[in-house]
């Protein structure tokens, strides 16, 4: 995996249900490396810290390889990296292969895969339709947030160097399945495994704990 684009938000005010709301989802590529700090990306604009930023959501990654899937669905949009609000657009990232809790060195930073993206209405505003929310969830192409274990600079062409991967860990796609597509007949054993995994956040576990 390697970084294809580094993206920063310029805050915008959007209209939502008759109210003006600020958002940092409109990210665009920048030339300079980004500094990943413990709770956010330096110089990025995190507007609503109830749902964005913080230790478990310090930086958001999305796969360049997923872009073609969405471009076919929305061919008339003005496509550029950062479209999903990601700070890092990454080549070779696969939700079905990357595991929660995996640790990587990128540039001078060390990060840990933490939580899948759960889209809100702002992604719908970005795409011009709220239909993207259900499509995004159903696709399992969520991208992922990372914890920043050691702050540092990351830039375009920097590669993800594996430090540690939990052998029996749960993939990002598997966790998405448990949270949004749980079927007791198919996923009960996976759910039990995920609930006993200390690398999965309690916030994510709550989505499927009650279904067991």
N, C-alpha and C. Protein backbone atom coordinates (compact mmCIF):
# COMPACT_ATOMS: atom_id res chain seq x y z
N UNK A 1 0.86 -1.19 0.00
CA UNK A 1 0.00 0.00 0.00
C UNK A 1 0.89 1.24 0.00
N UNK A 2 0.46 2.25 -0.72
CA UNK A 2 1.21 3.51 -0.69
C UNK A 2 0.26 4.68 -0.89
N UNK A 3 0.69 5.84 -0.43
CA UNK A 3 -0.12 7.05 -0.50
C UNK A 3 -0.06 7.62 -1.91
N UNK A 4 -1.24 7.88 -2.47
CA UNK A 4 -1.37 8.47 -3.80
C UNK A 4 -1.67 9.96 -3.72
N UNK A 5 -2.41 10.35 -2.67
CA UNK A 5 -2.78 11.76 -2.53
C UNK A 5 -2.94 12.11 -1.06
N UNK A 6 -2.47 13.29 -0.69
CA UNK A 6 -2.70 13.83 0.65
C UNK A 6 -3.70 14.97 0.52
N UNK A 7 -4.73 14.96 1.38
CA UNK A 7 -5.87 15.86 1.18
C UNK A 7 -6.23 16.62 2.46
N UNK A 8 -6.56 17.87 2.27
CA UNK A 8 -6.92 18.76 3.40
C UNK A 8 -8.24 19.46 3.06
N UNK A 9 -9.01 19.75 4.11
CA UNK A 9 -10.32 20.38 3.91
C UNK A 9 -10.24 21.89 3.99
N UNK A 10 -11.02 22.52 3.13
CA UNK A 10 -11.36 23.94 3.28
C UNK A 10 -12.79 23.97 3.79
N UNK A 11 -13.05 24.53 4.97
CA UNK A 11 -14.41 24.48 5.54
C UNK A 11 -15.43 25.13 4.61
N UNK A 12 -16.59 24.50 4.54
CA UNK A 12 -17.70 25.05 3.76
C UNK A 12 -18.95 25.05 4.62
N UNK A 13 -19.85 25.96 4.28
CA UNK A 13 -21.16 25.99 4.92
C UNK A 13 -22.17 25.43 3.94
N UNK A 14 -22.88 24.39 4.38
CA UNK A 14 -23.90 23.77 3.54
C UNK A 14 -25.26 23.96 4.18
N UNK A 15 -26.29 23.79 3.40
CA UNK A 15 -27.66 23.88 3.92
C UNK A 15 -28.18 22.47 4.14
N UNK A 16 -28.68 22.22 5.34
CA UNK A 16 -29.23 20.91 5.67
C UNK A 16 -30.49 21.08 6.52
N UNK A 17 -31.61 20.70 5.91
CA UNK A 17 -32.91 20.79 6.58
C UNK A 17 -33.19 22.18 7.14
N UNK A 18 -32.91 23.16 6.30
CA UNK A 18 -33.21 24.54 6.65
C UNK A 18 -32.20 25.22 7.54
N UNK A 19 -31.08 24.55 7.83
CA UNK A 19 -30.07 25.14 8.69
C UNK A 19 -28.72 25.19 7.96
N UNK A 20 -27.92 26.18 8.32
CA UNK A 20 -26.55 26.26 7.81
C UNK A 20 -25.64 25.43 8.70
N UNK A 21 -24.87 24.54 8.07
CA UNK A 21 -23.99 23.63 8.80
C UNK A 21 -22.60 23.70 8.19
N UNK A 22 -21.59 23.83 9.04
CA UNK A 22 -20.21 23.81 8.55
C UNK A 22 -19.73 22.37 8.43
N UNK A 23 -18.90 22.11 7.43
CA UNK A 23 -18.37 20.77 7.23
C UNK A 23 -16.95 20.82 6.69
N UNK A 24 -16.19 19.79 7.02
CA UNK A 24 -14.84 19.65 6.50
C UNK A 24 -14.71 18.50 5.53
N UNK A 25 -15.82 18.04 4.97
CA UNK A 25 -15.78 16.88 4.07
C UNK A 25 -15.22 17.22 2.70
N UNK A 26 -15.22 18.51 2.35
CA UNK A 26 -14.72 18.91 1.03
C UNK A 26 -13.20 19.02 1.05
N UNK A 27 -12.54 17.88 0.95
CA UNK A 27 -11.09 17.85 0.97
C UNK A 27 -10.53 17.83 -0.46
N UNK A 28 -9.36 18.43 -0.60
CA UNK A 28 -8.70 18.51 -1.91
C UNK A 28 -7.23 18.17 -1.75
N UNK A 29 -6.61 17.66 -2.81
CA UNK A 29 -5.19 17.32 -2.75
C UNK A 29 -4.30 18.53 -2.47
N UNK A 30 -3.25 18.29 -1.70
CA UNK A 30 -2.24 19.31 -1.43
C UNK A 30 -0.87 18.72 -1.74
N UNK A 31 0.09 19.59 -2.01
CA UNK A 31 1.42 19.12 -2.40
C UNK A 31 2.28 18.76 -1.20
N UNK A 32 2.09 19.44 -0.09
CA UNK A 32 2.97 19.24 1.06
C UNK A 32 2.61 17.98 1.83
N UNK A 33 3.58 17.35 2.48
CA UNK A 33 3.28 16.23 3.37
C UNK A 33 2.34 16.66 4.50
N UNK A 34 1.60 15.71 5.04
CA UNK A 34 0.72 15.97 6.17
C UNK A 34 1.38 15.51 7.46
N UNK A 35 1.11 16.26 8.53
CA UNK A 35 1.59 15.84 9.85
C UNK A 35 0.44 15.17 10.58
N UNK A 36 0.60 13.87 10.83
CA UNK A 36 -0.42 13.13 11.56
C UNK A 36 -0.15 13.27 13.05
N UNK A 37 -1.10 13.91 13.74
CA UNK A 37 -0.98 14.08 15.19
C UNK A 37 -1.89 13.07 15.88
N UNK A 38 -1.86 13.05 17.19
CA UNK A 38 -2.56 12.01 17.95
C UNK A 38 -4.07 12.06 17.78
N UNK A 39 -4.63 13.27 17.62
CA UNK A 39 -6.09 13.38 17.53
C UNK A 39 -6.59 13.93 16.20
N UNK A 40 -5.71 14.36 15.35
CA UNK A 40 -6.16 14.86 14.04
C UNK A 40 -4.96 15.11 13.15
N UNK A 41 -5.24 15.57 11.95
CA UNK A 41 -4.20 15.92 10.99
C UNK A 41 -3.96 17.42 11.08
N UNK A 42 -2.73 17.82 11.28
CA UNK A 42 -2.41 19.23 11.44
C UNK A 42 -2.87 20.02 10.21
N UNK A 43 -3.49 21.16 10.47
CA UNK A 43 -3.97 22.10 9.45
C UNK A 43 -5.21 21.61 8.72
N UNK A 44 -5.71 20.43 9.06
CA UNK A 44 -6.99 20.01 8.53
C UNK A 44 -8.08 20.73 9.32
N UNK A 45 -9.31 20.67 8.84
CA UNK A 45 -10.40 21.34 9.52
C UNK A 45 -11.43 20.31 9.96
N UNK A 46 -11.35 19.95 11.25
CA UNK A 46 -12.30 19.03 11.85
C UNK A 46 -13.37 19.87 12.54
N UNK A 47 -14.57 19.85 11.99
CA UNK A 47 -15.61 20.77 12.47
C UNK A 47 -16.37 20.20 13.66
N UNK A 48 -16.90 19.01 13.52
CA UNK A 48 -17.74 18.41 14.56
C UNK A 48 -16.98 17.29 15.25
N UNK A 49 -16.36 17.61 16.37
CA UNK A 49 -15.51 16.64 17.05
C UNK A 49 -16.29 15.59 17.84
N UNK A 50 -17.59 15.66 17.80
CA UNK A 50 -18.37 14.55 18.38
C UNK A 50 -18.21 13.30 17.52
N UNK A 51 -18.02 13.48 16.23
CA UNK A 51 -17.99 12.36 15.30
C UNK A 51 -16.70 12.26 14.49
N UNK A 52 -15.87 13.27 14.55
CA UNK A 52 -14.65 13.28 13.73
C UNK A 52 -13.47 13.68 14.60
N UNK A 53 -12.30 13.19 14.23
CA UNK A 53 -11.13 13.46 15.03
C UNK A 53 -11.14 12.64 16.30
N UNK A 54 -10.14 12.85 17.14
CA UNK A 54 -10.01 12.07 18.37
C UNK A 54 -9.06 10.90 18.17
N UNK A 55 -8.72 10.23 19.24
CA UNK A 55 -7.69 9.19 19.21
C UNK A 55 -8.02 8.08 18.23
N UNK A 56 -9.28 7.62 18.21
CA UNK A 56 -9.66 6.50 17.34
C UNK A 56 -9.95 6.93 15.90
N UNK A 57 -10.03 8.23 15.66
CA UNK A 57 -10.34 8.73 14.31
C UNK A 57 -9.41 9.89 13.93
N UNK A 58 -8.15 9.68 14.19
CA UNK A 58 -7.19 10.77 13.98
C UNK A 58 -7.00 11.11 12.51
N UNK A 59 -7.09 10.08 11.65
CA UNK A 59 -6.86 10.28 10.22
C UNK A 59 -7.69 9.26 9.46
N UNK A 60 -8.27 9.68 8.33
CA UNK A 60 -9.13 8.81 7.55
C UNK A 60 -8.45 8.44 6.23
N UNK A 61 -8.46 7.14 5.91
CA UNK A 61 -7.87 6.61 4.68
C UNK A 61 -8.96 6.06 3.77
N UNK A 62 -8.81 6.29 2.47
CA UNK A 62 -9.72 5.66 1.52
C UNK A 62 -8.93 5.14 0.34
N UNK A 63 -9.41 4.03 -0.24
CA UNK A 63 -8.67 3.36 -1.29
C UNK A 63 -8.88 4.00 -2.66
N UNK A 64 -7.78 4.28 -3.33
CA UNK A 64 -7.84 4.73 -4.71
C UNK A 64 -8.52 3.66 -5.57
N UNK A 65 -8.32 2.39 -5.21
CA UNK A 65 -8.86 1.28 -6.00
C UNK A 65 -10.38 1.24 -5.98
N UNK A 66 -11.00 1.90 -4.99
CA UNK A 66 -12.46 1.93 -4.91
C UNK A 66 -13.08 3.01 -5.80
N UNK A 67 -12.26 3.95 -6.25
CA UNK A 67 -12.80 5.10 -6.97
C UNK A 67 -13.55 4.70 -8.24
N UNK A 68 -13.03 3.72 -8.97
CA UNK A 68 -13.67 3.34 -10.24
C UNK A 68 -15.08 2.81 -10.00
N UNK A 69 -15.28 2.11 -8.88
CA UNK A 69 -16.61 1.59 -8.54
C UNK A 69 -17.62 2.74 -8.43
N UNK A 70 -17.22 3.80 -7.75
CA UNK A 70 -18.13 4.94 -7.53
C UNK A 70 -18.25 5.83 -8.76
N UNK A 71 -17.18 5.94 -9.51
CA UNK A 71 -17.24 6.76 -10.73
C UNK A 71 -18.24 6.22 -11.74
N UNK A 72 -18.39 4.90 -11.76
CA UNK A 72 -19.39 4.29 -12.65
C UNK A 72 -20.80 4.63 -12.19
N UNK A 73 -21.00 4.75 -10.89
CA UNK A 73 -22.32 5.10 -10.35
C UNK A 73 -22.62 6.59 -10.47
N UNK A 74 -21.57 7.40 -10.39
CA UNK A 74 -21.75 8.86 -10.42
C UNK A 74 -20.79 9.48 -11.44
N UNK A 75 -21.02 9.20 -12.72
CA UNK A 75 -20.08 9.66 -13.75
C UNK A 75 -20.08 11.17 -13.98
N UNK A 76 -21.10 11.86 -13.51
CA UNK A 76 -21.21 13.30 -13.78
C UNK A 76 -20.60 14.18 -12.70
N UNK A 77 -20.07 13.57 -11.66
CA UNK A 77 -19.44 14.37 -10.61
C UNK A 77 -18.05 14.83 -11.04
N UNK A 78 -17.58 15.89 -10.40
CA UNK A 78 -16.23 16.41 -10.65
C UNK A 78 -15.26 15.63 -9.76
N UNK A 79 -14.71 14.55 -10.30
CA UNK A 79 -13.93 13.63 -9.49
C UNK A 79 -12.51 14.12 -9.25
N UNK A 80 -12.08 14.00 -8.00
CA UNK A 80 -10.70 14.26 -7.61
C UNK A 80 -10.48 13.52 -6.29
N UNK A 81 -9.23 13.29 -5.94
CA UNK A 81 -8.95 12.62 -4.69
C UNK A 81 -9.38 13.50 -3.51
N UNK A 82 -9.79 12.84 -2.44
CA UNK A 82 -10.37 13.54 -1.30
C UNK A 82 -11.89 13.56 -1.36
N UNK A 83 -12.45 12.93 -2.39
CA UNK A 83 -13.89 12.96 -2.63
C UNK A 83 -14.71 12.41 -1.47
N UNK A 84 -14.14 11.47 -0.73
CA UNK A 84 -14.87 10.84 0.37
C UNK A 84 -14.52 11.46 1.71
N UNK A 85 -13.79 12.56 1.65
CA UNK A 85 -13.39 13.23 2.89
C UNK A 85 -12.15 12.62 3.52
N UNK A 86 -11.42 11.82 2.71
CA UNK A 86 -10.23 11.16 3.26
C UNK A 86 -9.02 12.09 3.26
N UNK A 87 -8.21 11.95 4.30
CA UNK A 87 -6.94 12.67 4.35
C UNK A 87 -5.89 12.01 3.47
N UNK A 88 -5.95 10.67 3.41
CA UNK A 88 -4.98 9.93 2.62
C UNK A 88 -5.70 9.03 1.63
N UNK A 89 -5.43 9.22 0.35
CA UNK A 89 -5.92 8.31 -0.68
C UNK A 89 -4.82 7.29 -0.91
N UNK A 90 -5.16 6.00 -0.77
CA UNK A 90 -4.15 4.96 -0.68
C UNK A 90 -4.33 3.92 -1.80
N UNK A 91 -3.27 3.60 -2.48
CA UNK A 91 -3.28 2.55 -3.50
C UNK A 91 -3.00 1.21 -2.84
N UNK A 92 -3.79 0.18 -3.22
CA UNK A 92 -3.55 -1.15 -2.71
C UNK A 92 -4.23 -1.47 -1.41
N UNK A 93 -5.05 -0.55 -0.90
CA UNK A 93 -5.79 -0.80 0.34
C UNK A 93 -7.06 -1.58 0.03
N UNK A 94 -7.28 -2.68 0.76
CA UNK A 94 -8.47 -3.50 0.57
C UNK A 94 -9.13 -3.76 1.92
N UNK A 95 -10.41 -3.39 2.03
CA UNK A 95 -11.14 -3.59 3.28
C UNK A 95 -11.22 -5.07 3.65
N UNK A 96 -11.19 -5.94 2.67
CA UNK A 96 -11.30 -7.37 2.95
C UNK A 96 -10.00 -7.99 3.44
N UNK A 97 -8.89 -7.27 3.28
CA UNK A 97 -7.59 -7.82 3.66
C UNK A 97 -6.97 -7.12 4.87
N UNK A 98 -7.21 -5.84 5.01
CA UNK A 98 -6.61 -5.09 6.12
C UNK A 98 -7.37 -5.38 7.42
N UNK A 99 -6.63 -5.66 8.48
CA UNK A 99 -7.26 -6.07 9.73
C UNK A 99 -7.25 -4.95 10.78
N UNK A 100 -8.32 -4.92 11.55
CA UNK A 100 -8.41 -3.99 12.67
C UNK A 100 -7.27 -4.28 13.64
N UNK A 101 -6.57 -3.24 14.06
CA UNK A 101 -5.46 -3.40 14.99
C UNK A 101 -4.11 -3.54 14.34
N UNK A 102 -4.07 -3.69 13.01
CA UNK A 102 -2.78 -3.79 12.31
C UNK A 102 -2.01 -2.48 12.47
N UNK A 103 -0.70 -2.59 12.60
CA UNK A 103 0.15 -1.42 12.81
C UNK A 103 1.10 -1.27 11.62
N UNK A 104 1.18 -0.04 11.13
CA UNK A 104 2.03 0.25 9.97
C UNK A 104 2.89 1.49 10.26
N UNK A 105 4.05 1.50 9.64
CA UNK A 105 4.86 2.72 9.61
C UNK A 105 4.66 3.36 8.25
N UNK A 106 4.33 4.65 8.25
CA UNK A 106 4.20 5.42 7.00
C UNK A 106 5.01 6.70 7.18
N UNK A 107 5.91 6.97 6.29
CA UNK A 107 6.74 8.15 6.47
C UNK A 107 7.44 8.07 7.81
N UNK A 108 7.26 9.11 8.62
CA UNK A 108 7.86 9.11 9.96
C UNK A 108 6.81 8.82 11.03
N UNK A 109 5.60 8.48 10.63
CA UNK A 109 4.51 8.19 11.58
C UNK A 109 4.30 6.69 11.71
N UNK A 110 3.73 6.29 12.84
CA UNK A 110 3.29 4.91 13.05
C UNK A 110 1.81 4.95 13.37
N UNK A 111 1.00 4.17 12.62
CA UNK A 111 -0.45 4.21 12.79
C UNK A 111 -0.99 2.82 13.01
N UNK A 112 -2.19 2.77 13.59
CA UNK A 112 -2.88 1.51 13.83
C UNK A 112 -4.29 1.58 13.26
N UNK A 113 -4.68 0.59 12.48
CA UNK A 113 -6.02 0.53 11.90
C UNK A 113 -7.04 0.44 13.03
N UNK A 114 -8.03 1.35 13.03
CA UNK A 114 -8.91 1.43 14.20
C UNK A 114 -10.39 1.20 13.91
N UNK A 115 -11.01 2.02 13.05
CA UNK A 115 -12.46 1.94 12.90
C UNK A 115 -12.89 2.19 11.45
N UNK A 116 -13.89 1.43 10.96
CA UNK A 116 -14.44 1.72 9.64
C UNK A 116 -15.20 3.05 9.65
N UNK A 117 -15.36 3.62 8.48
CA UNK A 117 -16.16 4.85 8.34
C UNK A 117 -17.64 4.52 8.39
N UNK A 118 -18.38 5.29 9.15
CA UNK A 118 -19.84 5.22 9.17
C UNK A 118 -20.35 6.53 8.58
N UNK A 119 -20.88 6.49 7.37
CA UNK A 119 -21.21 7.74 6.66
C UNK A 119 -22.41 8.46 7.26
N UNK A 120 -22.38 9.78 7.17
CA UNK A 120 -23.52 10.58 7.60
C UNK A 120 -24.04 11.39 6.41
N UNK A 121 -25.02 12.23 6.67
CA UNK A 121 -25.68 12.99 5.60
C UNK A 121 -24.72 13.89 4.82
N UNK A 122 -23.59 14.26 5.44
CA UNK A 122 -22.67 15.16 4.75
C UNK A 122 -22.04 14.51 3.52
N UNK A 123 -21.84 13.19 3.57
CA UNK A 123 -21.38 12.50 2.37
C UNK A 123 -22.45 12.58 1.28
N UNK A 124 -23.71 12.49 1.69
CA UNK A 124 -24.81 12.64 0.75
C UNK A 124 -24.84 14.01 0.11
N UNK A 125 -24.57 15.04 0.89
CA UNK A 125 -24.51 16.39 0.35
C UNK A 125 -23.35 16.50 -0.64
N UNK A 126 -22.23 15.89 -0.28
CA UNK A 126 -21.05 15.94 -1.16
C UNK A 126 -21.33 15.29 -2.51
N UNK A 127 -22.13 14.21 -2.50
CA UNK A 127 -22.43 13.49 -3.73
C UNK A 127 -23.72 13.96 -4.40
N UNK A 128 -24.43 14.86 -3.74
CA UNK A 128 -25.64 15.39 -4.34
C UNK A 128 -26.86 14.51 -4.19
N UNK A 129 -26.75 13.45 -3.38
CA UNK A 129 -27.89 12.57 -3.12
C UNK A 129 -27.64 11.77 -1.85
N UNK A 130 -28.68 11.64 -1.03
CA UNK A 130 -28.56 10.84 0.18
C UNK A 130 -28.57 9.34 -0.12
N UNK A 131 -28.82 8.96 -1.36
CA UNK A 131 -28.78 7.55 -1.73
C UNK A 131 -27.39 6.95 -1.54
N UNK A 132 -26.36 7.79 -1.58
CA UNK A 132 -25.00 7.30 -1.42
C UNK A 132 -24.80 6.66 -0.04
N UNK A 133 -25.56 7.06 0.96
CA UNK A 133 -25.35 6.54 2.32
C UNK A 133 -25.60 5.03 2.34
N UNK A 134 -26.75 4.60 1.86
CA UNK A 134 -27.06 3.16 1.84
C UNK A 134 -26.13 2.42 0.90
N UNK A 135 -25.82 3.02 -0.23
CA UNK A 135 -24.90 2.38 -1.18
C UNK A 135 -23.52 2.18 -0.56
N UNK A 136 -23.09 3.17 0.17
CA UNK A 136 -21.77 3.13 0.81
C UNK A 136 -21.72 2.01 1.84
N UNK A 137 -22.76 1.91 2.65
CA UNK A 137 -22.83 0.86 3.66
C UNK A 137 -22.89 -0.52 3.02
N UNK A 138 -23.72 -0.67 2.00
CA UNK A 138 -23.88 -1.97 1.34
C UNK A 138 -22.62 -2.42 0.61
N UNK A 139 -21.84 -1.48 0.14
CA UNK A 139 -20.65 -1.82 -0.64
C UNK A 139 -19.53 -2.43 0.19
N UNK A 140 -19.53 -2.17 1.50
CA UNK A 140 -18.44 -2.56 2.42
C UNK A 140 -17.13 -1.84 2.10
N UNK A 141 -17.18 -0.87 1.19
CA UNK A 141 -16.00 -0.10 0.80
C UNK A 141 -15.92 1.17 1.65
N UNK A 142 -15.67 0.97 2.92
CA UNK A 142 -15.83 2.05 3.90
C UNK A 142 -14.60 2.92 4.08
N UNK A 143 -13.43 2.42 3.64
CA UNK A 143 -12.23 3.09 4.09
C UNK A 143 -12.05 2.83 5.57
N UNK A 144 -11.07 3.48 6.20
CA UNK A 144 -10.83 3.19 7.62
C UNK A 144 -10.13 4.37 8.29
N UNK A 145 -10.42 4.52 9.57
CA UNK A 145 -9.70 5.48 10.40
C UNK A 145 -8.48 4.80 11.03
N UNK A 146 -7.51 5.61 11.42
CA UNK A 146 -6.34 5.08 12.11
C UNK A 146 -6.08 5.86 13.40
N UNK A 147 -5.52 5.14 14.37
CA UNK A 147 -4.92 5.79 15.54
C UNK A 147 -3.48 6.15 15.16
N UNK A 148 -3.01 7.25 15.68
CA UNK A 148 -1.62 7.64 15.43
C UNK A 148 -0.82 7.31 16.68
N UNK A 149 -0.05 6.23 16.61
CA UNK A 149 0.74 5.79 17.77
C UNK A 149 1.99 6.64 17.94
N UNK A 150 2.57 7.05 16.82
CA UNK A 150 3.71 7.98 16.84
C UNK A 150 3.47 9.04 15.79
N UNK A 151 3.29 10.30 16.18
CA UNK A 151 3.05 11.37 15.21
C UNK A 151 4.22 11.50 14.25
N UNK A 152 3.90 11.98 13.05
CA UNK A 152 4.95 12.18 12.06
C UNK A 152 4.40 12.66 10.74
N UNK A 153 5.29 12.89 9.80
CA UNK A 153 4.92 13.39 8.48
C UNK A 153 4.73 12.22 7.50
N UNK A 154 3.72 12.36 6.65
CA UNK A 154 3.48 11.39 5.57
C UNK A 154 3.26 12.16 4.29
N UNK A 155 3.67 11.57 3.17
CA UNK A 155 3.53 12.26 1.89
C UNK A 155 3.26 11.29 0.76
N UNK A 156 2.99 11.85 -0.41
CA UNK A 156 2.73 11.06 -1.60
C UNK A 156 3.93 10.16 -1.91
N UNK A 157 3.63 8.93 -2.26
CA UNK A 157 4.56 7.82 -2.57
C UNK A 157 5.07 7.10 -1.32
N UNK A 158 4.79 7.62 -0.13
CA UNK A 158 5.19 6.89 1.08
C UNK A 158 4.44 5.56 1.14
N UNK A 159 5.17 4.50 1.46
CA UNK A 159 4.58 3.18 1.52
C UNK A 159 4.27 2.77 2.95
N UNK A 160 3.26 1.91 3.07
CA UNK A 160 2.88 1.36 4.37
C UNK A 160 3.77 0.15 4.65
N UNK A 161 4.58 0.26 5.68
CA UNK A 161 5.47 -0.84 6.07
C UNK A 161 4.86 -1.55 7.27
N UNK A 162 4.59 -2.82 7.11
CA UNK A 162 3.93 -3.58 8.18
C UNK A 162 4.84 -3.68 9.39
N UNK A 163 4.28 -3.32 10.55
CA UNK A 163 4.97 -3.47 11.83
C UNK A 163 4.43 -4.69 12.56
N UNK A 164 3.08 -4.77 12.63
CA UNK A 164 2.45 -5.89 13.34
C UNK A 164 1.03 -6.07 12.83
N UNK A 165 0.66 -7.31 12.51
CA UNK A 165 -0.70 -7.63 12.08
C UNK A 165 -1.25 -8.75 12.95
N UNK A 166 -2.41 -8.56 13.58
CA UNK A 166 -2.99 -9.64 14.39
C UNK A 166 -3.39 -10.82 13.52
N UNK A 167 -2.77 -11.96 13.76
CA UNK A 167 -3.00 -13.13 12.89
C UNK A 167 -4.46 -13.56 12.87
N UNK A 168 -5.11 -13.51 14.00
CA UNK A 168 -6.51 -13.94 14.11
C UNK A 168 -7.46 -12.74 14.12
N UNK A 169 -7.01 -11.64 13.60
CA UNK A 169 -7.81 -10.42 13.66
C UNK A 169 -8.99 -10.42 12.71
N UNK A 170 -9.83 -9.40 12.88
CA UNK A 170 -11.03 -9.20 12.08
C UNK A 170 -10.73 -8.14 11.02
N UNK A 171 -11.10 -8.40 9.78
CA UNK A 171 -10.85 -7.42 8.73
C UNK A 171 -11.83 -6.27 8.81
N UNK A 172 -11.50 -5.19 8.12
CA UNK A 172 -12.38 -4.02 8.08
C UNK A 172 -13.73 -4.42 7.47
N UNK A 173 -13.72 -5.20 6.40
CA UNK A 173 -14.96 -5.63 5.75
C UNK A 173 -15.79 -6.53 6.68
N UNK A 174 -15.13 -7.41 7.42
CA UNK A 174 -15.85 -8.28 8.36
C UNK A 174 -16.52 -7.46 9.45
N UNK A 175 -15.84 -6.44 9.95
CA UNK A 175 -16.43 -5.60 10.98
C UNK A 175 -17.61 -4.81 10.42
N UNK A 176 -17.48 -4.32 9.20
CA UNK A 176 -18.62 -3.66 8.55
C UNK A 176 -19.82 -4.59 8.44
N UNK A 177 -19.55 -5.84 8.09
CA UNK A 177 -20.62 -6.83 7.96
C UNK A 177 -21.33 -7.04 9.29
N UNK A 178 -20.57 -7.15 10.35
CA UNK A 178 -21.17 -7.34 11.67
C UNK A 178 -22.01 -6.14 12.09
N UNK A 179 -21.54 -4.95 11.78
CA UNK A 179 -22.24 -3.75 12.24
C UNK A 179 -23.51 -3.47 11.45
N UNK A 180 -23.49 -3.80 10.14
CA UNK A 180 -24.60 -3.35 9.29
C UNK A 180 -25.35 -4.46 8.56
N UNK A 181 -24.79 -5.68 8.53
CA UNK A 181 -25.42 -6.75 7.76
C UNK A 181 -25.42 -8.06 8.54
N UNK A 182 -25.55 -7.96 9.84
CA UNK A 182 -25.43 -9.15 10.70
C UNK A 182 -26.57 -10.13 10.45
N UNK A 183 -26.18 -11.39 10.25
CA UNK A 183 -27.12 -12.50 10.12
C UNK A 183 -26.66 -13.57 11.10
N UNK A 184 -27.49 -13.88 12.08
CA UNK A 184 -27.07 -14.80 13.15
C UNK A 184 -26.65 -16.16 12.59
N UNK A 185 -27.34 -16.62 11.55
CA UNK A 185 -27.02 -17.92 10.97
C UNK A 185 -25.66 -17.94 10.29
N UNK A 186 -25.21 -16.79 9.84
CA UNK A 186 -23.96 -16.71 9.10
C UNK A 186 -22.80 -16.15 9.91
N UNK A 187 -23.09 -15.26 10.85
CA UNK A 187 -22.03 -14.45 11.44
C UNK A 187 -21.89 -14.58 12.96
N UNK A 188 -22.58 -15.53 13.58
CA UNK A 188 -22.53 -15.60 15.04
C UNK A 188 -21.12 -15.87 15.56
N UNK A 189 -20.41 -16.79 14.95
CA UNK A 189 -19.05 -17.10 15.40
C UNK A 189 -18.11 -15.93 15.18
N UNK A 190 -18.27 -15.25 14.05
CA UNK A 190 -17.45 -14.07 13.78
C UNK A 190 -17.74 -12.98 14.81
N UNK A 191 -19.00 -12.81 15.16
CA UNK A 191 -19.37 -11.80 16.15
C UNK A 191 -18.75 -12.10 17.52
N UNK A 192 -18.76 -13.36 17.92
CA UNK A 192 -18.16 -13.74 19.20
C UNK A 192 -16.67 -13.47 19.18
N UNK A 193 -16.05 -13.77 18.06
CA UNK A 193 -14.62 -13.49 17.90
C UNK A 193 -14.34 -12.00 18.01
N UNK A 194 -15.17 -11.19 17.35
CA UNK A 194 -14.98 -9.74 17.36
C UNK A 194 -15.20 -9.15 18.75
N UNK A 195 -16.18 -9.67 19.46
CA UNK A 195 -16.48 -9.14 20.79
C UNK A 195 -15.34 -9.41 21.78
N UNK A 196 -14.59 -10.46 21.54
CA UNK A 196 -13.48 -10.79 22.43
C UNK A 196 -12.17 -10.14 21.99
N UNK A 197 -12.22 -9.41 20.90
CA UNK A 197 -11.02 -8.78 20.35
C UNK A 197 -10.82 -7.40 20.98
N UNK A 198 -9.77 -7.21 21.79
CA UNK A 198 -9.56 -5.92 22.45
C UNK A 198 -9.16 -4.80 21.51
N UNK A 199 -8.81 -5.14 20.26
CA UNK A 199 -8.39 -4.12 19.30
C UNK A 199 -9.57 -3.45 18.61
N UNK A 200 -10.78 -4.03 18.77
CA UNK A 200 -11.99 -3.43 18.21
C UNK A 200 -12.62 -2.52 19.25
N UNK A 201 -12.97 -1.31 18.86
CA UNK A 201 -13.47 -0.33 19.81
C UNK A 201 -14.82 -0.73 20.38
N UNK A 202 -15.07 -0.33 21.61
CA UNK A 202 -16.36 -0.59 22.25
C UNK A 202 -17.49 0.10 21.49
N UNK A 203 -17.19 1.23 20.89
CA UNK A 203 -18.21 1.96 20.12
C UNK A 203 -18.69 1.14 18.94
N UNK A 204 -17.79 0.39 18.31
CA UNK A 204 -18.18 -0.44 17.18
C UNK A 204 -18.86 -1.73 17.65
N UNK A 205 -18.40 -2.27 18.76
CA UNK A 205 -18.99 -3.51 19.27
C UNK A 205 -20.47 -3.35 19.63
N UNK A 206 -20.86 -2.16 20.02
CA UNK A 206 -22.25 -1.95 20.45
C UNK A 206 -23.24 -2.21 19.32
N UNK A 207 -22.77 -2.10 18.06
CA UNK A 207 -23.67 -2.26 16.92
C UNK A 207 -24.16 -3.70 16.76
N UNK A 208 -23.37 -4.66 17.22
CA UNK A 208 -23.81 -6.04 17.04
C UNK A 208 -23.89 -6.84 18.33
N UNK A 209 -23.42 -6.27 19.45
CA UNK A 209 -23.46 -7.00 20.73
C UNK A 209 -24.88 -7.41 21.09
N UNK A 210 -25.84 -6.50 20.92
CA UNK A 210 -27.21 -6.78 21.33
C UNK A 210 -27.90 -7.83 20.46
N UNK A 211 -27.29 -8.14 19.29
CA UNK A 211 -27.92 -9.10 18.38
C UNK A 211 -27.55 -10.55 18.73
N UNK A 212 -26.55 -10.74 19.58
CA UNK A 212 -26.16 -12.10 19.95
C UNK A 212 -27.14 -12.69 20.95
